[in-house]
Structures are given as C-alpha cells and as structure tokens.
C-alpha cells in the first residue's frame, strides 16, 4: 500500500493554483492506485513549534552527545512527530506558491524544524552528511506570477529561489526522485492564468499515469 503525503503550502485554498494542480495529480494517482492512503498536512493550520528554548537546547545536547532533560525530550518528540509524516510517506506532494522569489515562510519554518541530525539526516566524519529519507518520490507543484521558466523572462528566471531551494533541500534529506509541475504567469490576467493551470493539470495527469 502506498502512502501519499500532500503538504499544502498555500493559504489561498480554493483560489490556489498550486493546490488545484496538486489535487488533480492526487486524484488521478488515487484512481490508478485505489489502495493509496492520502495524508494532508496543511501548514497553515499546523501548530509549528518555535525553534528556541528547550527545542534548541535539545538539538545541541544531541549534537554533543549529552543526555536530554525531560523537558528537552518532550520538545524533541514534537520535532520527530512532525518528521514522521515524511518518513511514513512513499510519495511526497508539495503545493508551493512563490512568495518574494522563494517559498512561503510556513514551508521554510517546517523545513527548518524537521531538518535535524538523526531525524532527516545523519553525519559522521567518515561519510559526511547523509539524508535519511530513502526510496521516496517527490512531486513539487510550483505556482508563480511571472514566467520563471528557462524559456521565459531571463530576469525572472535568475530570481527563482523557489525551485532550486526545494530541490537542494530534498537532495539534502535523501530524496533524489523529484518531479516538477509549474503554473506560470498567474498574475498576467485571467486568460494566461487559466491556460497555464490547464496545461499544468494535463501534465499532472500524465505524470500520475506514469508513476502508478
């Protein structure tokens, strides 16, 4: 049985281009693989911990090999519970709008919280850093106001810190089978927005068929 985790990174809900395309992919994937278990993680309704106090102390106690206090153990268990969603999933779907040329702060917050040693990666002097998320497939659905593609506006493409960031982070935590779907030019008028959404939705269906 496949576990598909959808991490919703947009607060726009029904108006969101990234969510619309992601849901098209997920619906087709479930149609092709009916035993798939779907888990939705909405970062805008999730109580993400601040990375300070006992959580920060637990991190550095772990790095130094010091035993954690009860308070630190409790704080660190919260981190591991959040990361467990990623470990349990076979397929990761991220619906990601572009905010200020990069990812929304809620997604950055989530990544900063869960990307910890012995949680999503390990480190030894002999082997260096190694990601712990193995044998997983990621689908990143990107929505952007302008044309940030390689064939689009050159000045916009050079300011794309959304896709490179996501791909670098996924590689860091061990996910190398990564696919991208793009909705470009969402602020260039309703016709451009609609056409780009439909193109991306068609690509989402094709990708779901290929992966199931």
N, C-alpha and C. Protein backbone atom coordinates (compact mmCIF):
# COMPACT_ATOMS: atom_id res chain seq x y z
N UNK A 1 0.84 -1.20 0.00
CA UNK A 1 0.00 0.00 0.00
C UNK A 1 0.88 1.25 0.00
N UNK A 2 0.56 2.18 -0.86
CA UNK A 2 1.32 3.43 -0.98
C UNK A 2 0.73 4.49 -0.05
N UNK A 3 1.61 5.23 0.61
CA UNK A 3 1.20 6.38 1.42
C UNK A 3 1.62 7.65 0.69
N UNK A 4 0.65 8.49 0.38
CA UNK A 4 0.92 9.76 -0.30
C UNK A 4 0.67 10.89 0.68
N UNK A 5 1.68 11.70 0.89
CA UNK A 5 1.60 12.85 1.80
C UNK A 5 1.54 14.13 0.99
N UNK A 6 0.45 14.89 1.15
CA UNK A 6 0.32 16.18 0.49
C UNK A 6 0.58 17.28 1.51
N UNK A 7 1.65 18.02 1.32
CA UNK A 7 1.98 19.15 2.19
C UNK A 7 1.50 20.43 1.51
N UNK A 8 0.44 21.00 2.06
CA UNK A 8 -0.19 22.19 1.49
C UNK A 8 0.53 23.44 2.01
N UNK A 9 1.11 24.19 1.08
CA UNK A 9 1.92 25.35 1.47
C UNK A 9 1.26 26.67 1.11
N UNK A 10 0.05 26.63 0.56
CA UNK A 10 -0.65 27.85 0.17
C UNK A 10 -1.85 28.10 1.06
N UNK A 11 -2.05 29.35 1.53
CA UNK A 11 -3.23 29.67 2.34
C UNK A 11 -4.45 30.04 1.50
N UNK A 12 -4.32 30.04 0.16
CA UNK A 12 -5.41 30.55 -0.70
C UNK A 12 -6.51 29.52 -0.93
N UNK A 13 -6.27 28.27 -0.56
CA UNK A 13 -7.26 27.20 -0.64
C UNK A 13 -7.86 27.10 -2.05
N UNK A 14 -9.16 27.35 -2.19
CA UNK A 14 -9.83 27.11 -3.47
C UNK A 14 -9.32 28.00 -4.59
N UNK A 15 -8.69 29.11 -4.29
CA UNK A 15 -8.16 30.00 -5.32
C UNK A 15 -6.73 29.66 -5.71
N UNK A 16 -6.12 28.73 -5.01
CA UNK A 16 -4.70 28.44 -5.19
C UNK A 16 -4.43 27.61 -6.44
N UNK A 17 -3.54 28.09 -7.28
CA UNK A 17 -3.16 27.35 -8.48
C UNK A 17 -2.35 26.11 -8.13
N UNK A 18 -1.45 26.23 -7.17
CA UNK A 18 -0.61 25.07 -6.80
C UNK A 18 -1.46 23.96 -6.19
N UNK A 19 -2.44 24.33 -5.36
CA UNK A 19 -3.31 23.32 -4.77
C UNK A 19 -4.20 22.66 -5.82
N UNK A 20 -4.69 23.46 -6.76
CA UNK A 20 -5.56 22.90 -7.80
C UNK A 20 -4.82 21.84 -8.62
N UNK A 21 -3.61 22.15 -9.02
CA UNK A 21 -2.83 21.19 -9.83
C UNK A 21 -2.44 19.98 -8.99
N UNK A 22 -2.03 20.22 -7.74
CA UNK A 22 -1.66 19.10 -6.86
C UNK A 22 -2.82 18.15 -6.67
N UNK A 23 -4.02 18.68 -6.49
CA UNK A 23 -5.20 17.84 -6.27
C UNK A 23 -5.55 17.04 -7.53
N UNK A 24 -5.32 17.62 -8.71
CA UNK A 24 -5.52 16.86 -9.95
C UNK A 24 -4.57 15.66 -9.99
N UNK A 25 -3.32 15.90 -9.65
CA UNK A 25 -2.35 14.80 -9.61
C UNK A 25 -2.79 13.73 -8.62
N UNK A 26 -3.16 14.16 -7.42
CA UNK A 26 -3.52 13.21 -6.36
C UNK A 26 -4.76 12.40 -6.74
N UNK A 27 -5.77 13.07 -7.30
CA UNK A 27 -7.00 12.37 -7.68
C UNK A 27 -6.70 11.29 -8.72
N UNK A 28 -5.91 11.62 -9.75
CA UNK A 28 -5.58 10.63 -10.76
C UNK A 28 -4.72 9.51 -10.16
N UNK A 29 -3.79 9.86 -9.29
CA UNK A 29 -2.94 8.85 -8.65
C UNK A 29 -3.81 7.86 -7.87
N UNK A 30 -4.79 8.37 -7.12
CA UNK A 30 -5.67 7.50 -6.34
C UNK A 30 -6.56 6.66 -7.24
N UNK A 31 -6.98 7.22 -8.37
CA UNK A 31 -7.78 6.44 -9.32
C UNK A 31 -6.98 5.26 -9.86
N UNK A 32 -5.71 5.51 -10.14
CA UNK A 32 -4.85 4.46 -10.68
C UNK A 32 -4.39 3.47 -9.61
N UNK A 33 -4.29 3.95 -8.39
CA UNK A 33 -3.82 3.10 -7.27
C UNK A 33 -4.80 3.27 -6.11
N UNK A 34 -5.95 2.59 -6.16
CA UNK A 34 -7.03 2.81 -5.19
C UNK A 34 -6.66 2.51 -3.73
N UNK A 35 -5.63 1.72 -3.51
CA UNK A 35 -5.25 1.40 -2.13
C UNK A 35 -4.36 2.46 -1.51
N UNK A 36 -4.08 3.52 -2.26
CA UNK A 36 -3.23 4.59 -1.74
C UNK A 36 -3.87 5.27 -0.53
N UNK A 37 -3.09 5.45 0.51
CA UNK A 37 -3.53 6.21 1.69
C UNK A 37 -3.07 7.65 1.53
N UNK A 38 -4.01 8.59 1.62
CA UNK A 38 -3.70 10.01 1.47
C UNK A 38 -3.67 10.69 2.83
N UNK A 39 -2.58 11.41 3.09
CA UNK A 39 -2.45 12.23 4.30
C UNK A 39 -2.23 13.66 3.86
N UNK A 40 -3.07 14.57 4.35
CA UNK A 40 -2.92 16.00 4.06
C UNK A 40 -2.32 16.71 5.27
N UNK A 41 -1.31 17.49 5.02
CA UNK A 41 -0.67 18.28 6.08
C UNK A 41 -0.74 19.75 5.65
N UNK A 42 -1.69 20.47 6.21
CA UNK A 42 -1.88 21.88 5.88
C UNK A 42 -1.01 22.71 6.82
N UNK A 43 0.04 23.30 6.28
CA UNK A 43 0.98 24.04 7.12
C UNK A 43 0.35 25.28 7.75
N UNK A 44 -0.79 25.73 7.21
CA UNK A 44 -1.43 26.94 7.74
C UNK A 44 -2.37 26.64 8.90
N UNK A 45 -2.65 25.37 9.13
CA UNK A 45 -3.46 25.00 10.30
C UNK A 45 -2.64 24.19 11.28
N UNK A 46 -1.36 24.03 10.98
CA UNK A 46 -0.48 23.23 11.81
C UNK A 46 0.21 24.13 12.84
N UNK A 47 0.28 23.66 14.06
CA UNK A 47 0.96 24.41 15.12
C UNK A 47 2.44 24.05 15.11
N UNK A 48 3.21 24.80 14.33
CA UNK A 48 4.64 24.52 14.22
C UNK A 48 5.38 25.09 15.42
N UNK A 49 6.26 24.33 16.02
CA UNK A 49 6.97 24.83 17.20
C UNK A 49 8.00 25.90 16.84
N UNK A 50 8.15 26.86 17.72
CA UNK A 50 9.23 27.82 17.57
C UNK A 50 10.54 27.11 17.90
N UNK A 51 11.58 27.40 17.13
CA UNK A 51 12.84 26.70 17.36
C UNK A 51 13.69 27.51 18.33
N UNK A 52 13.35 27.36 19.60
CA UNK A 52 14.03 28.10 20.65
C UNK A 52 13.88 27.34 21.95
N UNK A 53 14.48 27.82 23.00
CA UNK A 53 14.30 27.25 24.32
C UNK A 53 14.65 25.77 24.37
N UNK A 54 13.77 24.93 24.91
CA UNK A 54 14.06 23.50 25.07
C UNK A 54 14.35 22.78 23.75
N UNK A 55 13.69 23.22 22.67
CA UNK A 55 13.93 22.58 21.37
C UNK A 55 15.37 22.84 20.92
N UNK A 56 15.79 24.08 21.02
CA UNK A 56 17.16 24.43 20.65
C UNK A 56 18.17 23.73 21.57
N UNK A 57 17.87 23.71 22.85
CA UNK A 57 18.76 23.04 23.80
C UNK A 57 18.86 21.55 23.51
N UNK A 58 17.73 20.94 23.12
CA UNK A 58 17.72 19.51 22.79
C UNK A 58 18.58 19.24 21.56
N UNK A 59 18.50 20.13 20.58
CA UNK A 59 19.31 19.95 19.37
C UNK A 59 20.79 19.90 19.72
N UNK A 60 21.27 20.86 20.50
CA UNK A 60 22.70 20.93 20.77
C UNK A 60 23.14 19.90 21.80
N UNK A 61 22.22 19.47 22.64
CA UNK A 61 22.55 18.35 23.55
C UNK A 61 22.77 17.09 22.72
N UNK A 62 21.90 16.87 21.74
CA UNK A 62 22.05 15.72 20.86
C UNK A 62 23.32 15.77 20.05
N UNK A 63 23.67 16.94 19.56
CA UNK A 63 24.89 17.09 18.76
C UNK A 63 26.14 16.81 19.59
N UNK A 64 26.08 17.14 20.88
CA UNK A 64 27.25 16.95 21.75
C UNK A 64 27.25 15.60 22.46
N UNK A 65 26.17 14.84 22.27
CA UNK A 65 26.09 13.54 22.94
C UNK A 65 25.67 13.61 24.39
N UNK A 66 25.13 14.76 24.81
CA UNK A 66 24.67 14.94 26.18
C UNK A 66 23.24 14.40 26.32
N UNK A 67 22.96 13.77 27.44
CA UNK A 67 21.62 13.25 27.69
C UNK A 67 20.61 14.40 27.78
N UNK A 68 19.44 14.21 27.17
CA UNK A 68 18.41 15.24 27.19
C UNK A 68 17.65 15.23 28.51
N UNK A 69 17.25 16.40 28.96
CA UNK A 69 16.38 16.50 30.13
C UNK A 69 14.97 16.07 29.72
N UNK A 70 14.11 15.91 30.70
CA UNK A 70 12.71 15.54 30.42
C UNK A 70 12.05 16.60 29.55
N UNK A 71 12.29 17.85 29.87
CA UNK A 71 11.71 18.95 29.08
C UNK A 71 12.22 18.93 27.65
N UNK A 72 13.52 18.67 27.49
CA UNK A 72 14.09 18.60 26.16
C UNK A 72 13.57 17.40 25.39
N UNK A 73 13.40 16.26 26.05
CA UNK A 73 12.86 15.07 25.41
C UNK A 73 11.46 15.34 24.87
N UNK A 74 10.65 16.03 25.66
CA UNK A 74 9.28 16.37 25.25
C UNK A 74 9.30 17.29 24.03
N UNK A 75 10.16 18.29 24.07
CA UNK A 75 10.26 19.23 22.96
C UNK A 75 10.75 18.53 21.70
N UNK A 76 11.73 17.64 21.84
CA UNK A 76 12.31 16.95 20.68
C UNK A 76 11.33 15.94 20.09
N UNK A 77 10.48 15.36 20.93
CA UNK A 77 9.48 14.41 20.45
C UNK A 77 8.53 15.09 19.49
N UNK A 78 8.25 16.36 19.70
CA UNK A 78 7.39 17.14 18.80
C UNK A 78 8.03 17.22 17.41
N UNK A 79 9.33 17.47 17.37
CA UNK A 79 10.06 17.53 16.10
C UNK A 79 9.98 16.18 15.38
N UNK A 80 10.21 15.11 16.09
CA UNK A 80 10.21 13.78 15.50
C UNK A 80 8.82 13.38 15.01
N UNK A 81 7.79 13.85 15.72
CA UNK A 81 6.42 13.55 15.29
C UNK A 81 6.11 14.23 13.96
N UNK A 82 6.54 15.46 13.80
CA UNK A 82 6.34 16.16 12.52
C UNK A 82 7.11 15.48 11.40
N UNK A 83 8.35 15.11 11.67
CA UNK A 83 9.18 14.47 10.65
C UNK A 83 8.68 13.07 10.30
N UNK A 84 7.96 12.44 11.21
CA UNK A 84 7.46 11.08 10.97
C UNK A 84 6.53 11.03 9.77
N UNK A 85 5.83 12.12 9.49
CA UNK A 85 4.97 12.17 8.30
C UNK A 85 5.80 11.94 7.04
N UNK A 86 6.97 12.54 6.98
CA UNK A 86 7.84 12.40 5.82
C UNK A 86 8.41 10.99 5.73
N UNK A 87 8.78 10.42 6.85
CA UNK A 87 9.33 9.07 6.86
C UNK A 87 8.28 8.04 6.45
N UNK A 88 7.03 8.26 6.85
CA UNK A 88 5.98 7.27 6.60
C UNK A 88 5.52 7.27 5.14
N UNK A 89 5.72 8.37 4.43
CA UNK A 89 5.18 8.51 3.08
C UNK A 89 6.10 7.88 2.04
N UNK A 90 5.47 7.36 0.99
CA UNK A 90 6.20 6.88 -0.19
C UNK A 90 6.28 7.98 -1.24
N UNK A 91 5.21 8.78 -1.33
CA UNK A 91 5.12 9.87 -2.30
C UNK A 91 4.87 11.17 -1.55
N UNK A 92 5.68 12.18 -1.84
CA UNK A 92 5.55 13.50 -1.21
C UNK A 92 5.08 14.49 -2.27
N UNK A 93 3.97 15.15 -2.02
CA UNK A 93 3.47 16.18 -2.94
C UNK A 93 3.47 17.51 -2.21
N UNK A 94 4.18 18.48 -2.75
CA UNK A 94 4.25 19.83 -2.19
C UNK A 94 3.55 20.80 -3.14
N UNK A 95 2.56 21.53 -2.65
CA UNK A 95 1.91 22.58 -3.45
C UNK A 95 2.46 23.92 -2.97
N UNK A 96 3.27 24.57 -3.83
CA UNK A 96 4.14 25.66 -3.37
C UNK A 96 3.94 26.93 -4.20
N UNK A 97 3.34 27.97 -3.63
CA UNK A 97 3.32 29.26 -4.32
C UNK A 97 4.66 29.97 -4.16
N UNK A 98 4.94 30.87 -5.07
CA UNK A 98 6.16 31.68 -4.97
C UNK A 98 5.85 32.93 -4.16
N UNK A 99 6.62 33.14 -3.11
CA UNK A 99 6.48 34.34 -2.29
C UNK A 99 7.85 35.04 -2.25
N UNK A 100 7.88 36.27 -2.75
CA UNK A 100 9.13 37.04 -2.72
C UNK A 100 10.30 36.22 -3.29
N UNK A 101 10.03 35.56 -4.40
CA UNK A 101 11.03 34.80 -5.17
C UNK A 101 11.46 33.50 -4.51
N UNK A 102 10.81 33.12 -3.42
CA UNK A 102 11.17 31.86 -2.77
C UNK A 102 9.91 31.19 -2.23
N UNK A 103 10.05 30.30 -1.26
CA UNK A 103 8.92 29.54 -0.74
C UNK A 103 8.24 30.32 0.39
N UNK A 104 6.97 30.05 0.68
CA UNK A 104 6.29 30.72 1.80
C UNK A 104 6.98 30.43 3.13
N UNK A 105 6.89 31.38 4.04
CA UNK A 105 7.61 31.25 5.31
C UNK A 105 7.12 30.06 6.14
N UNK A 106 5.88 29.64 5.96
CA UNK A 106 5.38 28.47 6.68
C UNK A 106 6.13 27.20 6.25
N UNK A 107 6.40 27.09 4.96
CA UNK A 107 7.15 25.93 4.47
C UNK A 107 8.59 26.01 4.96
N UNK A 108 9.19 27.18 4.91
CA UNK A 108 10.56 27.34 5.42
C UNK A 108 10.61 27.00 6.91
N UNK A 109 9.60 27.41 7.66
CA UNK A 109 9.53 27.10 9.09
C UNK A 109 9.48 25.59 9.29
N UNK A 110 8.62 24.91 8.53
CA UNK A 110 8.50 23.46 8.64
C UNK A 110 9.83 22.77 8.33
N UNK A 111 10.47 23.20 7.25
CA UNK A 111 11.75 22.60 6.85
C UNK A 111 12.82 22.85 7.91
N UNK A 112 12.87 24.05 8.44
CA UNK A 112 13.87 24.37 9.46
C UNK A 112 13.66 23.53 10.73
N UNK A 113 12.41 23.26 11.05
CA UNK A 113 12.10 22.50 12.26
C UNK A 113 12.47 21.02 12.11
N UNK A 114 12.10 20.41 10.98
CA UNK A 114 12.28 18.96 10.86
C UNK A 114 13.65 18.54 10.34
N UNK A 115 14.40 19.46 9.76
CA UNK A 115 15.69 19.09 9.17
C UNK A 115 16.77 19.05 10.24
N UNK A 116 16.77 17.99 11.01
CA UNK A 116 17.68 17.85 12.14
C UNK A 116 18.48 16.56 12.02
N UNK A 117 19.67 16.56 12.64
CA UNK A 117 20.53 15.38 12.68
C UNK A 117 19.81 14.23 13.39
N UNK A 118 19.90 13.07 12.80
CA UNK A 118 19.26 11.84 13.30
C UNK A 118 17.74 11.90 13.20
N UNK A 119 17.23 12.91 12.51
CA UNK A 119 15.79 13.00 12.21
C UNK A 119 15.58 12.88 10.71
N UNK A 120 16.19 13.81 9.94
CA UNK A 120 16.12 13.72 8.48
C UNK A 120 17.49 13.51 7.84
N UNK A 121 18.56 13.63 8.62
CA UNK A 121 19.90 13.35 8.08
C UNK A 121 20.79 12.88 9.22
N UNK A 122 21.88 12.20 8.85
CA UNK A 122 22.90 11.89 9.86
C UNK A 122 24.25 12.42 9.38
N UNK A 123 25.20 12.39 10.28
CA UNK A 123 26.53 12.91 9.96
C UNK A 123 27.58 12.11 10.70
N UNK A 124 28.60 11.70 9.97
CA UNK A 124 29.80 11.11 10.57
C UNK A 124 31.01 11.73 9.88
N UNK A 125 32.13 11.85 10.59
CA UNK A 125 33.34 12.38 9.94
C UNK A 125 33.76 11.54 8.74
N UNK A 126 33.47 10.23 8.79
CA UNK A 126 33.89 9.34 7.71
C UNK A 126 33.05 9.52 6.46
N UNK A 127 31.76 9.69 6.62
CA UNK A 127 30.85 9.73 5.48
C UNK A 127 30.24 11.10 5.22
N UNK A 128 30.41 12.03 6.15
CA UNK A 128 29.79 13.34 5.98
C UNK A 128 28.30 13.29 6.23
N UNK A 129 27.55 14.16 5.55
CA UNK A 129 26.10 14.25 5.73
C UNK A 129 25.41 13.29 4.79
N UNK A 130 24.44 12.53 5.33
CA UNK A 130 23.65 11.61 4.51
C UNK A 130 22.18 11.77 4.87
N UNK A 131 21.33 11.97 3.85
CA UNK A 131 19.90 12.08 4.08
C UNK A 131 19.29 10.76 4.50
N UNK A 132 18.21 10.84 5.27
CA UNK A 132 17.57 9.64 5.81
C UNK A 132 16.24 9.31 5.16
N UNK A 133 15.79 10.13 4.20
CA UNK A 133 14.54 9.84 3.50
C UNK A 133 14.87 9.07 2.23
N UNK A 134 14.74 7.75 2.31
CA UNK A 134 15.14 6.88 1.20
C UNK A 134 13.93 6.33 0.46
N UNK A 135 14.12 6.04 -0.83
CA UNK A 135 13.13 5.35 -1.65
C UNK A 135 11.80 6.11 -1.69
N UNK A 136 11.88 7.42 -1.86
CA UNK A 136 10.68 8.24 -1.93
C UNK A 136 10.65 9.03 -3.23
N UNK A 137 9.45 9.35 -3.66
CA UNK A 137 9.23 10.17 -4.85
C UNK A 137 8.61 11.49 -4.41
N UNK A 138 9.12 12.59 -4.92
CA UNK A 138 8.57 13.91 -4.60
C UNK A 138 8.03 14.57 -5.85
N UNK A 139 6.87 15.20 -5.71
CA UNK A 139 6.29 16.00 -6.78
C UNK A 139 6.11 17.41 -6.24
N UNK A 140 6.80 18.35 -6.84
CA UNK A 140 6.71 19.74 -6.43
C UNK A 140 5.84 20.50 -7.44
N UNK A 141 4.76 21.07 -6.95
CA UNK A 141 3.88 21.87 -7.80
C UNK A 141 4.16 23.33 -7.49
N UNK A 142 4.74 24.03 -8.46
CA UNK A 142 5.13 25.42 -8.26
C UNK A 142 4.14 26.35 -8.96
N UNK A 143 3.67 27.38 -8.27
CA UNK A 143 2.84 28.42 -8.88
C UNK A 143 3.58 29.74 -8.76
N UNK A 144 3.68 30.46 -9.90
CA UNK A 144 4.43 31.71 -9.92
C UNK A 144 3.68 32.77 -10.74
N UNK A 145 3.80 34.01 -10.34
CA UNK A 145 3.07 35.09 -11.00
C UNK A 145 3.59 35.41 -12.39
N UNK A 146 4.91 35.31 -12.58
CA UNK A 146 5.53 35.59 -13.86
C UNK A 146 6.00 34.29 -14.49
N UNK A 147 6.65 34.40 -15.63
CA UNK A 147 7.20 33.22 -16.29
C UNK A 147 8.64 33.04 -15.83
N UNK A 148 8.84 32.14 -14.87
CA UNK A 148 10.16 31.90 -14.31
C UNK A 148 10.85 30.71 -14.99
N UNK A 149 10.26 30.18 -16.04
CA UNK A 149 10.85 29.02 -16.71
C UNK A 149 12.13 29.41 -17.43
N UNK A 150 12.88 28.40 -17.85
CA UNK A 150 14.13 28.64 -18.57
C UNK A 150 13.89 29.35 -19.89
N UNK A 151 12.70 29.18 -20.44
CA UNK A 151 12.37 29.79 -21.73
C UNK A 151 11.57 31.07 -21.57
N UNK A 152 11.38 31.50 -20.34
CA UNK A 152 10.60 32.71 -20.09
C UNK A 152 11.47 33.94 -19.94
N UNK A 153 11.04 34.84 -19.08
CA UNK A 153 11.74 36.09 -18.83
C UNK A 153 13.08 35.79 -18.15
N UNK A 154 14.17 36.20 -18.77
CA UNK A 154 15.50 35.88 -18.24
C UNK A 154 15.72 36.50 -16.86
N UNK A 155 15.22 37.72 -16.67
CA UNK A 155 15.41 38.39 -15.38
C UNK A 155 14.61 37.69 -14.29
N UNK A 156 13.43 37.18 -14.65
CA UNK A 156 12.62 36.44 -13.67
C UNK A 156 13.28 35.11 -13.35
N UNK A 157 13.76 34.41 -14.36
CA UNK A 157 14.37 33.10 -14.14
C UNK A 157 15.57 33.18 -13.20
N UNK A 158 16.33 34.26 -13.31
CA UNK A 158 17.51 34.41 -12.45
C UNK A 158 17.13 34.67 -11.00
N UNK A 159 15.86 35.04 -10.76
CA UNK A 159 15.40 35.32 -9.40
C UNK A 159 14.60 34.16 -8.80
N UNK A 160 14.64 33.02 -9.44
CA UNK A 160 13.89 31.86 -8.95
C UNK A 160 14.67 31.16 -7.83
N UNK A 161 14.28 31.43 -6.59
CA UNK A 161 14.88 30.76 -5.44
C UNK A 161 13.88 29.78 -4.82
N UNK A 162 12.82 29.51 -5.55
CA UNK A 162 11.78 28.58 -5.11
C UNK A 162 12.15 27.14 -5.49
N UNK A 163 12.25 26.89 -6.78
CA UNK A 163 12.56 25.53 -7.24
C UNK A 163 13.96 25.08 -6.82
N UNK A 164 15.01 25.90 -7.01
CA UNK A 164 16.35 25.45 -6.59
C UNK A 164 16.42 25.13 -5.09
N UNK A 165 15.72 25.92 -4.28
CA UNK A 165 15.73 25.66 -2.84
C UNK A 165 15.09 24.32 -2.52
N UNK A 166 13.92 24.06 -3.10
CA UNK A 166 13.23 22.80 -2.82
C UNK A 166 14.05 21.60 -3.28
N UNK A 167 14.63 21.69 -4.46
CA UNK A 167 15.40 20.56 -4.97
C UNK A 167 16.66 20.32 -4.15
N UNK A 168 17.30 21.41 -3.72
CA UNK A 168 18.50 21.27 -2.88
C UNK A 168 18.15 20.64 -1.54
N UNK A 169 17.04 21.08 -0.93
CA UNK A 169 16.65 20.53 0.37
C UNK A 169 16.27 19.05 0.25
N UNK A 170 15.50 18.70 -0.78
CA UNK A 170 15.11 17.30 -0.95
C UNK A 170 16.33 16.41 -1.14
N UNK A 171 17.28 16.86 -1.92
CA UNK A 171 18.51 16.09 -2.11
C UNK A 171 19.26 15.95 -0.79
N UNK A 172 19.30 17.01 -0.01
CA UNK A 172 19.98 17.01 1.29
C UNK A 172 19.40 15.95 2.22
N UNK A 173 18.07 15.78 2.20
CA UNK A 173 17.45 14.81 3.12
C UNK A 173 17.28 13.43 2.48
N UNK A 174 17.79 13.25 1.26
CA UNK A 174 17.86 11.92 0.67
C UNK A 174 16.88 11.62 -0.44
N UNK A 175 16.05 12.60 -0.84
CA UNK A 175 15.06 12.37 -1.89
C UNK A 175 15.66 12.80 -3.23
N UNK A 176 15.87 11.86 -4.11
CA UNK A 176 16.50 12.16 -5.40
C UNK A 176 15.55 11.96 -6.58
N UNK A 177 14.43 11.28 -6.38
CA UNK A 177 13.45 11.09 -7.45
C UNK A 177 12.43 12.22 -7.35
N UNK A 178 12.70 13.32 -8.03
CA UNK A 178 11.91 14.55 -7.87
C UNK A 178 11.33 14.97 -9.22
N UNK A 179 10.04 15.30 -9.23
CA UNK A 179 9.35 15.75 -10.44
C UNK A 179 8.75 17.13 -10.18
N UNK A 180 8.69 17.95 -11.22
CA UNK A 180 8.20 19.31 -11.07
C UNK A 180 7.03 19.58 -12.01
N UNK A 181 6.03 20.29 -11.49
CA UNK A 181 4.91 20.80 -12.28
C UNK A 181 4.84 22.30 -12.04
N UNK A 182 4.62 23.07 -13.11
CA UNK A 182 4.70 24.53 -12.99
C UNK A 182 3.42 25.20 -13.50
N UNK A 183 2.95 26.17 -12.73
CA UNK A 183 1.91 27.09 -13.20
C UNK A 183 2.56 28.46 -13.25
N UNK A 184 2.75 28.96 -14.46
CA UNK A 184 3.44 30.24 -14.64
C UNK A 184 2.43 31.35 -14.96
N UNK A 185 2.84 32.58 -14.74
CA UNK A 185 2.11 33.78 -15.18
C UNK A 185 0.71 33.91 -14.59
N UNK A 186 0.56 33.59 -13.30
CA UNK A 186 -0.76 33.63 -12.68
C UNK A 186 -1.28 35.05 -12.46
N UNK A 187 -0.39 36.06 -12.54
CA UNK A 187 -0.84 37.44 -12.36
C UNK A 187 -0.90 38.20 -13.69
N UNK A 188 -0.80 37.48 -14.80
CA UNK A 188 -0.78 38.12 -16.11
C UNK A 188 -2.17 38.15 -16.76
N UNK A 189 -3.20 38.09 -15.94
CA UNK A 189 -4.57 38.15 -16.45
C UNK A 189 -5.24 36.80 -16.39
N UNK A 190 -6.59 36.78 -16.36
CA UNK A 190 -7.33 35.52 -16.20
C UNK A 190 -7.09 34.51 -17.32
N UNK A 191 -6.90 35.00 -18.55
CA UNK A 191 -6.69 34.07 -19.66
C UNK A 191 -5.35 33.33 -19.53
N UNK A 192 -4.31 34.09 -19.20
CA UNK A 192 -2.99 33.48 -19.01
C UNK A 192 -3.01 32.51 -17.84
N UNK A 193 -3.64 32.94 -16.77
CA UNK A 193 -3.74 32.10 -15.57
C UNK A 193 -4.47 30.80 -15.88
N UNK A 194 -5.62 30.89 -16.53
CA UNK A 194 -6.41 29.71 -16.84
C UNK A 194 -5.67 28.76 -17.76
N UNK A 195 -5.02 29.32 -18.79
CA UNK A 195 -4.29 28.48 -19.74
C UNK A 195 -3.13 27.76 -19.07
N UNK A 196 -2.42 28.45 -18.19
CA UNK A 196 -1.29 27.84 -17.50
C UNK A 196 -1.75 26.75 -16.53
N UNK A 197 -2.86 27.00 -15.85
CA UNK A 197 -3.40 25.99 -14.94
C UNK A 197 -3.79 24.73 -15.71
N UNK A 198 -4.48 24.91 -16.83
CA UNK A 198 -4.93 23.74 -17.60
C UNK A 198 -3.74 22.95 -18.15
N UNK A 199 -2.72 23.65 -18.60
CA UNK A 199 -1.52 22.98 -19.10
C UNK A 199 -0.88 22.16 -17.98
N UNK A 200 -0.75 22.77 -16.81
CA UNK A 200 -0.14 22.07 -15.68
C UNK A 200 -1.00 20.90 -15.21
N UNK A 201 -2.32 21.05 -15.27
CA UNK A 201 -3.20 19.95 -14.86
C UNK A 201 -3.09 18.78 -15.82
N UNK A 202 -2.98 19.06 -17.11
CA UNK A 202 -2.76 17.99 -18.08
C UNK A 202 -1.44 17.27 -17.81
N UNK A 203 -0.40 18.03 -17.49
CA UNK A 203 0.90 17.44 -17.18
C UNK A 203 0.83 16.63 -15.88
N UNK A 204 0.00 17.09 -14.93
CA UNK A 204 -0.16 16.37 -13.67
C UNK A 204 -0.80 15.00 -13.90
N UNK A 205 -1.80 14.95 -14.78
CA UNK A 205 -2.45 13.67 -15.08
C UNK A 205 -1.47 12.72 -15.76
N UNK A 206 -0.70 13.25 -16.70
CA UNK A 206 0.29 12.42 -17.40
C UNK A 206 1.33 11.87 -16.43
N UNK A 207 1.78 12.73 -15.51
CA UNK A 207 2.78 12.30 -14.53
C UNK A 207 2.21 11.23 -13.60
N UNK A 208 0.96 11.42 -13.14
CA UNK A 208 0.33 10.43 -12.27
C UNK A 208 0.20 9.09 -12.97
N UNK A 209 -0.14 9.11 -14.25
CA UNK A 209 -0.25 7.87 -15.01
C UNK A 209 1.10 7.18 -15.11
N UNK A 210 2.14 7.97 -15.26
CA UNK A 210 3.48 7.41 -15.41
C UNK A 210 4.01 6.81 -14.11
N UNK A 211 3.59 7.37 -12.99
CA UNK A 211 4.12 6.94 -11.70
C UNK A 211 3.30 5.84 -11.03
N UNK A 212 2.15 5.50 -11.60
CA UNK A 212 1.32 4.47 -10.98
C UNK A 212 1.18 3.26 -11.89
